[in-house]
Amino acid sequence: MSSRDKLIQKILAGAKNVSFDEAESLLLWLGFKVKVSGSHYVYRKADTDCTISIKRRPQLYPYQISDLREGLIKHGYKEK
């Protein structure tokens, strides 16, 4: 299992600690494009209506992890 797969499973399982760098790496790998507005990074994917906004800080806020989880579910990922 790759490190990305482990991260996806961690997020789907309800992780409470996900770093900005981990989230950004994963979103870019999934094909999201980023638009920076101040300290907020807004990730959008052209072929979906999925938009994820995260603030650049060491650890994501719980609501941002929830948004990230919902985005993964929209992409067809399921908790194992």
PDB file of N, CA and C in Angstrom:
ATOM      1  N   MET A   1       0.847  -1.172   0.000  1.00  0.00           N
ATOM      2  CA  MET A   1       0.000   0.000   0.000  1.00  0.00           C
ATOM      3  C   MET A   1       0.894   1.237   0.000  1.00  0.00           C
ATOM      4  N   SER A   2       0.625   2.168  -0.898  1.00  0.00           N
ATOM      5  CA  SER A   2       1.452   3.367  -1.008  1.00  0.00           C
ATOM      6  C   SER A   2       1.139   4.348   0.122  1.00  0.00           C
ATOM      7  N   SER A   3       1.991   5.337   0.278  1.00  0.00           N
ATOM      8  CA  SER A   3       1.775   6.334   1.326  1.00  0.00           C
ATOM      9  C   SER A   3       0.514   7.152   1.050  1.00  0.00           C
ATOM     10  N   ARG A   4       0.199   7.368  -0.223  1.00  0.00           N
ATOM     11  CA  ARG A   4      -1.043   8.087  -0.558  1.00  0.00           C
ATOM     12  C   ARG A   4      -2.266   7.267  -0.177  1.00  0.00           C
ATOM     13  N   ASP A   5      -2.210   5.972  -0.444  1.00  0.00           N
ATOM     14  CA  ASP A   5      -3.320   5.098  -0.057  1.00  0.00           C
ATOM     15  C   ASP A   5      -3.503   5.096   1.455  1.00  0.00           C
ATOM     16  N   LYS A   6      -2.399   5.085   2.183  1.00  0.00           N
ATOM     17  CA  LYS A   6      -2.479   5.112   3.638  1.00  0.00           C
ATOM     18  C   LYS A   6      -3.079   6.424   4.124  1.00  0.00           C
ATOM     19  N   LEU A   7      -2.703   7.526   3.486  1.00  0.00           N
ATOM     20  CA  LEU A   7      -3.251   8.827   3.850  1.00  0.00           C
ATOM     21  C   LEU A   7      -4.748   8.881   3.559  1.00  0.00           C
ATOM     22  N   ILE A   8      -5.154   8.369   2.409  1.00  0.00           N
ATOM     23  CA  ILE A   8      -6.581   8.347   2.058  1.00  0.00           C
ATOM     24  C   ILE A   8      -7.357   7.551   3.095  1.00  0.00           C
ATOM     25  N   GLN A   9      -6.871   6.379   3.460  1.00  0.00           N
ATOM     26  CA  GLN A   9      -7.546   5.560   4.465  1.00  0.00           C
ATOM     27  C   GLN A   9      -7.580   6.255   5.829  1.00  0.00           C
ATOM     28  N   LYS A  10      -6.511   6.956   6.155  1.00  0.00           N
ATOM     29  CA  LYS A  10      -6.451   7.699   7.417  1.00  0.00           C
ATOM     30  C   LYS A  10      -7.540   8.772   7.455  1.00  0.00           C
ATOM     31  N   ILE A  11      -7.689   9.508   6.353  1.00  0.00           N
ATOM     32  CA  ILE A  11      -8.696  10.564   6.279  1.00  0.00           C
ATOM     33  C   ILE A  11     -10.100   9.971   6.316  1.00  0.00           C
ATOM     34  N   LEU A  12     -10.321   8.913   5.554  1.00  0.00           N
ATOM     35  CA  LEU A  12     -11.643   8.286   5.523  1.00  0.00           C
ATOM     36  C   LEU A  12     -12.016   7.689   6.879  1.00  0.00           C
ATOM     37  N   ALA A  13     -11.026   7.278   7.654  1.00  0.00           N
ATOM     38  CA  ALA A  13     -11.287   6.689   8.965  1.00  0.00           C
ATOM     39  C   ALA A  13     -11.563   7.746  10.036  1.00  0.00           C
ATOM     40  N   GLY A  14     -11.488   9.013   9.665  1.00  0.00           N
ATOM     41  CA  GLY A  14     -11.804  10.079  10.617  1.00  0.00           C
ATOM     42  C   GLY A  14     -10.609  10.647  11.352  1.00  0.00           C
ATOM     43  N   ALA A  15      -9.493  10.729  10.681  1.00  0.00           N
ATOM     44  CA  ALA A  15      -8.273  11.261  11.293  1.00  0.00           C
ATOM     45  C   ALA A  15      -8.501  12.657  11.845  1.00  0.00           C
ATOM     46  N   LYS A  16      -7.848  12.947  12.931  1.00  0.00           N
ATOM     47  CA  LYS A  16      -7.962  14.271  13.552  1.00  0.00           C
ATOM     48  C   LYS A  16      -6.740  15.137  13.261  1.00  0.00           C
ATOM     49  N   ASN A  17      -5.684  14.526  12.728  1.00  0.00           N
ATOM     50  CA  ASN A  17      -4.457  15.282  12.450  1.00  0.00           C
ATOM     51  C   ASN A  17      -3.969  14.995  11.031  1.00  0.00           C
ATOM     52  N   VAL A  18      -4.220  15.970  10.168  1.00  0.00           N
ATOM     53  CA  VAL A  18      -3.739  15.909   8.787  1.00  0.00           C
ATOM     54  C   VAL A  18      -3.042  17.236   8.526  1.00  0.00           C
ATOM     55  N   SER A  19      -1.822  17.173   8.035  1.00  0.00           N
ATOM     56  CA  SER A  19      -1.075  18.405   7.788  1.00  0.00           C
ATOM     57  C   SER A  19      -1.498  19.021   6.453  1.00  0.00           C
ATOM     58  N   PHE A  20      -1.227  20.304   6.338  1.00  0.00           N
ATOM     59  CA  PHE A  20      -1.517  21.011   5.090  1.00  0.00           C
ATOM     60  C   PHE A  20      -0.744  20.379   3.945  1.00  0.00           C
ATOM     61  N   ASP A  21       0.517  20.086   4.171  1.00  0.00           N
ATOM     62  CA  ASP A  21       1.364  19.518   3.118  1.00  0.00           C
ATOM     63  C   ASP A  21       0.829  18.170   2.624  1.00  0.00           C
ATOM     64  N   GLU A  22       0.357  17.332   3.552  1.00  0.00           N
ATOM     65  CA  GLU A  22      -0.221  16.041   3.164  1.00  0.00           C
ATOM     66  C   GLU A  22      -1.466  16.247   2.304  1.00  0.00           C
ATOM     67  N   ALA A  23      -2.337  17.155   2.755  1.00  0.00           N
ATOM     68  CA  ALA A  23      -3.580  17.413   2.037  1.00  0.00           C
ATOM     69  C   ALA A  23      -3.308  17.988   0.648  1.00  0.00           C
ATOM     70  N   GLU A  24      -2.396  18.951   0.572  1.00  0.00           N
ATOM     71  CA  GLU A  24      -2.078  19.568  -0.709  1.00  0.00           C
ATOM     72  C   GLU A  24      -1.496  18.547  -1.688  1.00  0.00           C
ATOM     73  N   SER A  25      -0.574  17.751  -1.219  1.00  0.00           N
ATOM     74  CA  SER A  25       0.033  16.725  -2.067  1.00  0.00           C
ATOM     75  C   SER A  25      -1.023  15.775  -2.618  1.00  0.00           C
ATOM     76  N   LEU A  26      -1.937  15.361  -1.759  1.00  0.00           N
ATOM     77  CA  LEU A  26      -2.992  14.440  -2.167  1.00  0.00           C
ATOM     78  C   LEU A  26      -3.932  15.077  -3.187  1.00  0.00           C
ATOM     79  N   LEU A  27      -4.351  16.311  -2.932  1.00  0.00           N
ATOM     80  CA  LEU A  27      -5.280  16.980  -3.848  1.00  0.00           C
ATOM     81  C   LEU A  27      -4.646  17.215  -5.219  1.00  0.00           C
ATOM     82  N   LEU A  28      -3.399  17.623  -5.248  1.00  0.00           N
ATOM     83  CA  LEU A  28      -2.719  17.828  -6.531  1.00  0.00           C
ATOM     84  C   LEU A  28      -2.553  16.505  -7.266  1.00  0.00           C
ATOM     85  N   TRP A  29      -2.271  15.432  -6.533  1.00  0.00           N
ATOM     86  CA  TRP A  29      -2.146  14.099  -7.143  1.00  0.00           C
ATOM     87  C   TRP A  29      -3.479  13.653  -7.741  1.00  0.00           C
ATOM     88  N   LEU A  30      -4.593  14.042  -7.102  1.00  0.00           N
ATOM     89  CA  LEU A  30      -5.919  13.681  -7.604  1.00  0.00           C
ATOM     90  C   LEU A  30      -6.353  14.542  -8.795  1.00  0.00           C
ATOM     91  N   GLY A  31      -5.559  15.550  -9.134  1.00  0.00           N
ATOM     92  CA  GLY A  31      -5.850  16.360 -10.312  1.00  0.00           C
ATOM     93  C   GLY A  31      -6.534  17.685 -10.041  1.00  0.00           C
ATOM     94  N   PHE A  32      -6.571  18.118  -8.802  1.00  0.00           N
ATOM     95  CA  PHE A  32      -7.178  19.401  -8.467  1.00  0.00           C
ATOM     96  C   PHE A  32      -6.236  20.530  -8.862  1.00  0.00           C
ATOM     97  N   LYS A  33      -6.811  21.651  -9.222  1.00  0.00           N
ATOM     98  CA  LYS A  33      -6.050  22.864  -9.514  1.00  0.00           C
ATOM     99  C   LYS A  33      -6.229  23.800  -8.322  1.00  0.00           C
ATOM    100  N   VAL A  34      -5.199  24.549  -8.002  1.00  0.00           N
ATOM    101  CA  VAL A  34      -5.229  25.407  -6.825  1.00  0.00           C
ATOM    102  C   VAL A  34      -5.277  26.874  -7.213  1.00  0.00           C
ATOM    103  N   LYS A  35      -6.044  27.643  -6.436  1.00  0.00           N
ATOM    104  CA  LYS A  35      -6.078  29.091  -6.554  1.00  0.00           C
ATOM    105  C   LYS A  35      -5.830  29.634  -5.156  1.00  0.00           C
ATOM    106  N   VAL A  36      -4.836  30.494  -5.015  1.00  0.00           N
ATOM    107  CA  VAL A  36      -4.466  31.017  -3.701  1.00  0.00           C
ATOM    108  C   VAL A  36      -5.082  32.401  -3.526  1.00  0.00           C
ATOM    109  N   SER A  37      -5.746  32.565  -2.374  1.00  0.00           N
ATOM    110  CA  SER A  37      -6.341  33.848  -2.022  1.00  0.00           C
ATOM    111  C   SER A  37      -5.947  34.147  -0.579  1.00  0.00           C
ATOM    112  N   GLY A  38      -4.871  34.895  -0.402  1.00  0.00           N
ATOM    113  CA  GLY A  38      -4.352  35.152   0.940  1.00  0.00           C
ATOM    114  C   GLY A  38      -3.793  33.869   1.531  1.00  0.00           C
ATOM    115  N   SER A  39      -4.308  33.493   2.707  1.00  0.00           N
ATOM    116  CA  SER A  39      -3.833  32.257   3.337  1.00  0.00           C
ATOM    117  C   SER A  39      -4.715  31.066   2.986  1.00  0.00           C
ATOM    118  N   HIS A  40      -5.756  31.301   2.195  1.00  0.00           N
ATOM    119  CA  HIS A  40      -6.657  30.215   1.805  1.00  0.00           C
ATOM    120  C   HIS A  40      -6.283  29.660   0.436  1.00  0.00           C
ATOM    121  N   TYR A  41      -6.262  28.354   0.378  1.00  0.00           N
ATOM    122  CA  TYR A  41      -5.971  27.650  -0.858  1.00  0.00           C
ATOM    123  C   TYR A  41      -7.255  26.947  -1.273  1.00  0.00           C
ATOM    124  N   VAL A  42      -7.758  27.298  -2.451  1.00  0.00           N
ATOM    125  CA  VAL A  42      -9.010  26.725  -2.939  1.00  0.00           C
ATOM    126  C   VAL A  42      -8.679  25.752  -4.060  1.00  0.00           C
ATOM    127  N   TYR A  43      -9.071  24.502  -3.864  1.00  0.00           N
ATOM    128  CA  TYR A  43      -8.790  23.429  -4.823  1.00  0.00           C
ATOM    129  C   TYR A  43     -10.078  23.073  -5.547  1.00  0.00           C
ATOM    130  N   ARG A  44     -10.005  23.074  -6.886  1.00  0.00           N
ATOM    131  CA  ARG A  44     -11.164  22.730  -7.715  1.00  0.00           C
ATOM    132  C   ARG A  44     -10.721  21.738  -8.779  1.00  0.00           C
ATOM    133  N   LYS A  45     -11.679  20.921  -9.156  1.00  0.00           N
ATOM    134  CA  LYS A  45     -11.422  19.974 -10.235  1.00  0.00           C
ATOM    135  C   LYS A  45     -12.447  20.237 -11.317  1.00  0.00           C
ATOM    136  N   ALA A  46     -11.980  20.386 -12.543  1.00  0.00           N
ATOM    137  CA  ALA A  46     -12.830  20.803 -13.659  1.00  0.00           C
ATOM    138  C   ALA A  46     -13.994  19.859 -13.927  1.00  0.00           C
ATOM    139  N   ASP A  47     -13.782  18.556 -13.862  1.00  0.00           N
ATOM    140  CA  ASP A  47     -14.831  17.616 -14.237  1.00  0.00           C
ATOM    141  C   ASP A  47     -15.783  17.259 -13.096  1.00  0.00           C
ATOM    142  N   THR A  48     -15.640  17.917 -11.931  1.00  0.00           N
ATOM    143  CA  THR A  48     -16.542  17.682 -10.808  1.00  0.00           C
ATOM    144  C   THR A  48     -16.974  19.014 -10.215  1.00  0.00           C
ATOM    145  N   ASP A  49     -17.961  18.964  -9.352  1.00  0.00           N
ATOM    146  CA  ASP A  49     -18.392  20.177  -8.658  1.00  0.00           C
ATOM    147  C   ASP A  49     -17.728  20.279  -7.289  1.00  0.00           C
ATOM    148  N   CYS A  50     -16.678  19.536  -7.098  1.00  0.00           N
ATOM    149  CA  CYS A  50     -15.991  19.453  -5.812  1.00  0.00           C
ATOM    150  C   CYS A  50     -15.032  20.636  -5.638  1.00  0.00           C
ATOM    151  N   THR A  51     -15.228  21.389  -4.554  1.00  0.00           N
ATOM    152  CA  THR A  51     -14.340  22.490  -4.193  1.00  0.00           C
ATOM    153  C   THR A  51     -13.930  22.295  -2.749  1.00  0.00           C
ATOM    154  N   ILE A  52     -12.637  22.364  -2.499  1.00  0.00           N
ATOM    155  CA  ILE A  52     -12.118  22.192  -1.144  1.00  0.00           C
ATOM    156  C   ILE A  52     -11.239  23.392  -0.825  1.00  0.00           C
ATOM    157  N   SER A  53     -11.566  24.070   0.261  1.00  0.00           N
ATOM    158  CA  SER A  53     -10.803  25.239   0.680  1.00  0.00           C
ATOM    159  C   SER A  53     -10.098  24.919   1.990  1.00  0.00           C
ATOM    160  N   ILE A  54      -8.777  25.098   2.000  1.00  0.00           N
ATOM    161  CA  ILE A  54      -8.023  24.878   3.230  1.00  0.00           C
ATOM    162  C   ILE A  54      -7.092  26.050   3.482  1.00  0.00           C
ATOM    163  N   LYS A  55      -6.881  26.326   4.748  1.00  0.00           N
ATOM    164  CA  LYS A  55      -6.020  27.426   5.151  1.00  0.00           C
ATOM    165  C   LYS A  55      -4.623  26.900   5.402  1.00  0.00           C
ATOM    166  N   ARG A  56      -3.635  27.640   4.923  1.00  0.00           N
ATOM    167  CA  ARG A  56      -2.242  27.210   5.107  1.00  0.00           C
ATOM    168  C   ARG A  56      -1.854  27.390   6.569  1.00  0.00           C
ATOM    169  N   ARG A  57      -1.708  26.271   7.232  1.00  0.00           N
ATOM    170  CA  ARG A  57      -1.272  26.205   8.630  1.00  0.00           C
ATOM    171  C   ARG A  57      -0.726  24.806   8.850  1.00  0.00           C
ATOM    172  N   PRO A  58      -0.008  24.551   9.925  1.00  0.00           N
ATOM    173  CA  PRO A  58       0.608  23.223  10.093  1.00  0.00           C
ATOM    174  C   PRO A  58      -0.396  22.066  10.051  1.00  0.00           C
ATOM    175  N   GLN A  59      -1.517  22.172  10.769  1.00  0.00           N
ATOM    176  CA  GLN A  59      -2.526  21.115  10.790  1.00  0.00           C
ATOM    177  C   GLN A  59      -3.862  21.686  10.327  1.00  0.00           C
ATOM    178  N   LEU A  60      -4.624  20.879   9.605  1.00  0.00           N
ATOM    179  CA  LEU A  60      -5.932  21.315   9.142  1.00  0.00           C
ATOM    180  C   LEU A  60      -6.916  21.376  10.306  1.00  0.00           C
ATOM    181  N   TYR A  61      -7.894  22.268  10.163  1.00  0.00           N
ATOM    182  CA  TYR A  61      -8.994  22.322  11.122  1.00  0.00           C
ATOM    183  C   TYR A  61      -9.901  21.119  10.884  1.00  0.00           C
ATOM    184  N   PRO A  62     -10.647  20.699  11.905  1.00  0.00           N
ATOM    185  CA  PRO A  62     -11.537  19.540  11.738  1.00  0.00           C
ATOM    186  C   PRO A  62     -12.527  19.675  10.580  1.00  0.00           C
ATOM    187  N   TYR A  63     -13.103  20.873  10.369  1.00  0.00           N
ATOM    188  CA  TYR A  63     -14.053  21.032   9.267  1.00  0.00           C
ATOM    189  C   TYR A  63     -13.360  20.891   7.904  1.00  0.00           C
ATOM    190  N   GLN A  64     -12.082  21.248   7.838  1.00  0.00           N
ATOM    191  CA  GLN A  64     -11.349  21.098   6.585  1.00  0.00           C
ATOM    192  C   GLN A  64     -11.069  19.625   6.301  1.00  0.00           C
ATOM    193  N   ILE A  65     -10.806  18.856   7.338  1.00  0.00           N
ATOM    194  CA  ILE A  65     -10.602  17.420   7.166  1.00  0.00           C
ATOM    195  C   ILE A  65     -11.909  16.772   6.708  1.00  0.00           C
ATOM    196  N   SER A  66     -13.036  17.246   7.250  1.00  0.00           N
ATOM    197  CA  SER A  66     -14.355  16.741   6.817  1.00  0.00           C
ATOM    198  C   SER A  66     -14.601  17.046   5.343  1.00  0.00           C
ATOM    199  N   ASP A  67     -14.258  18.267   4.919  1.00  0.00           N
ATOM    200  CA  ASP A  67     -14.404  18.639   3.498  1.00  0.00           C
ATOM    201  C   ASP A  67     -13.523  17.758   2.624  1.00  0.00           C
ATOM    202  N   LEU A  68     -12.316  17.504   3.076  1.00  0.00           N
ATOM    203  CA  LEU A  68     -11.383  16.656   2.337  1.00  0.00           C
ATOM    204  C   LEU A  68     -11.935  15.232   2.238  1.00  0.00           C
ATOM    205  N   ARG A  69     -12.492  14.745   3.325  1.00  0.00           N
ATOM    206  CA  ARG A  69     -13.093  13.397   3.354  1.00  0.00           C
ATOM    207  C   ARG A  69     -14.255  13.310   2.356  1.00  0.00           C
ATOM    208  N   GLU A  70     -15.121  14.325   2.356  1.00  0.00           N
ATOM    209  CA  GLU A  70     -16.248  14.348   1.418  1.00  0.00           C
ATOM    210  C   GLU A  70     -15.763  14.365  -0.032  1.00  0.00           C
ATOM    211  N   GLY A  71     -14.695  15.109  -0.288  1.00  0.00           N
ATOM    212  CA  GLY A  71     -14.118  15.139  -1.629  1.00  0.00           C
ATOM    213  C   GLY A  71     -13.597  13.781  -2.063  1.00  0.00           C
ATOM    214  N   LEU A  72     -12.980  13.057  -1.136  1.00  0.00           N
ATOM    215  CA  LEU A  72     -12.486  11.711  -1.452  1.00  0.00           C
ATOM    216  C   LEU A  72     -13.651  10.764  -1.740  1.00  0.00           C
ATOM    217  N   ILE A  73     -14.708  10.885  -0.977  1.00  0.00           N
ATOM    218  CA  ILE A  73     -15.882  10.033  -1.193  1.00  0.00           C
ATOM    219  C   ILE A  73     -16.502  10.320  -2.559  1.00  0.00           C
ATOM    220  N   LYS A  74     -16.549  11.607  -2.938  1.00  0.00           N
ATOM    221  CA  LYS A  74     -17.064  11.980  -4.263  1.00  0.00           C
ATOM    222  C   LYS A  74     -16.205  11.369  -5.385  1.00  0.00           C
ATOM    223  N   HIS A  75     -14.951  11.140  -5.094  1.00  0.00           N
ATOM    224  CA  HIS A  75     -14.040  10.535  -6.088  1.00  0.00           C
ATOM    225  C   HIS A  75     -14.113   9.012  -6.086  1.00  0.00           C
ATOM    226  N   GLY A  76     -14.996   8.462  -5.263  1.00  0.00           N
ATOM    227  CA  GLY A  76     -15.198   7.020  -5.273  1.00  0.00           C
ATOM    228  C   GLY A  76     -14.389   6.236  -4.272  1.00  0.00           C
ATOM    229  N   TYR A  77     -13.687   6.920  -3.379  1.00  0.00           N
ATOM    230  CA  TYR A  77     -12.923   6.213  -2.350  1.00  0.00           C
ATOM    231  C   TYR A  77     -13.855   5.814  -1.216  1.00  0.00           C
ATOM    232  N   LYS A  78     -13.607   4.629  -0.647  1.00  0.00           N
ATOM    233  CA  LYS A  78     -14.413   4.133   0.458  1.00  0.00           C
ATOM    234  C   LYS A  78     -13.493   3.655   1.559  1.00  0.00           C
ATOM    235  N   GLU A  79     -13.984   3.764   2.792  1.00  0.00           N
ATOM    236  CA  GLU A  79     -13.206   3.264   3.913  1.00  0.00           C
ATOM    237  C   GLU A  79     -13.144   1.754   3.865  1.00  0.00           C
ATOM    238  N   LYS A  80     -11.967   1.197   4.076  1.00  0.00           N
ATOM    239  CA  LYS A  80     -11.797  -0.266   4.025  1.00  0.00           C
ATOM    240  C   LYS A  80     -12.019  -0.867   5.392  1.00  0.00           C
TER     241      LYS A  80
END
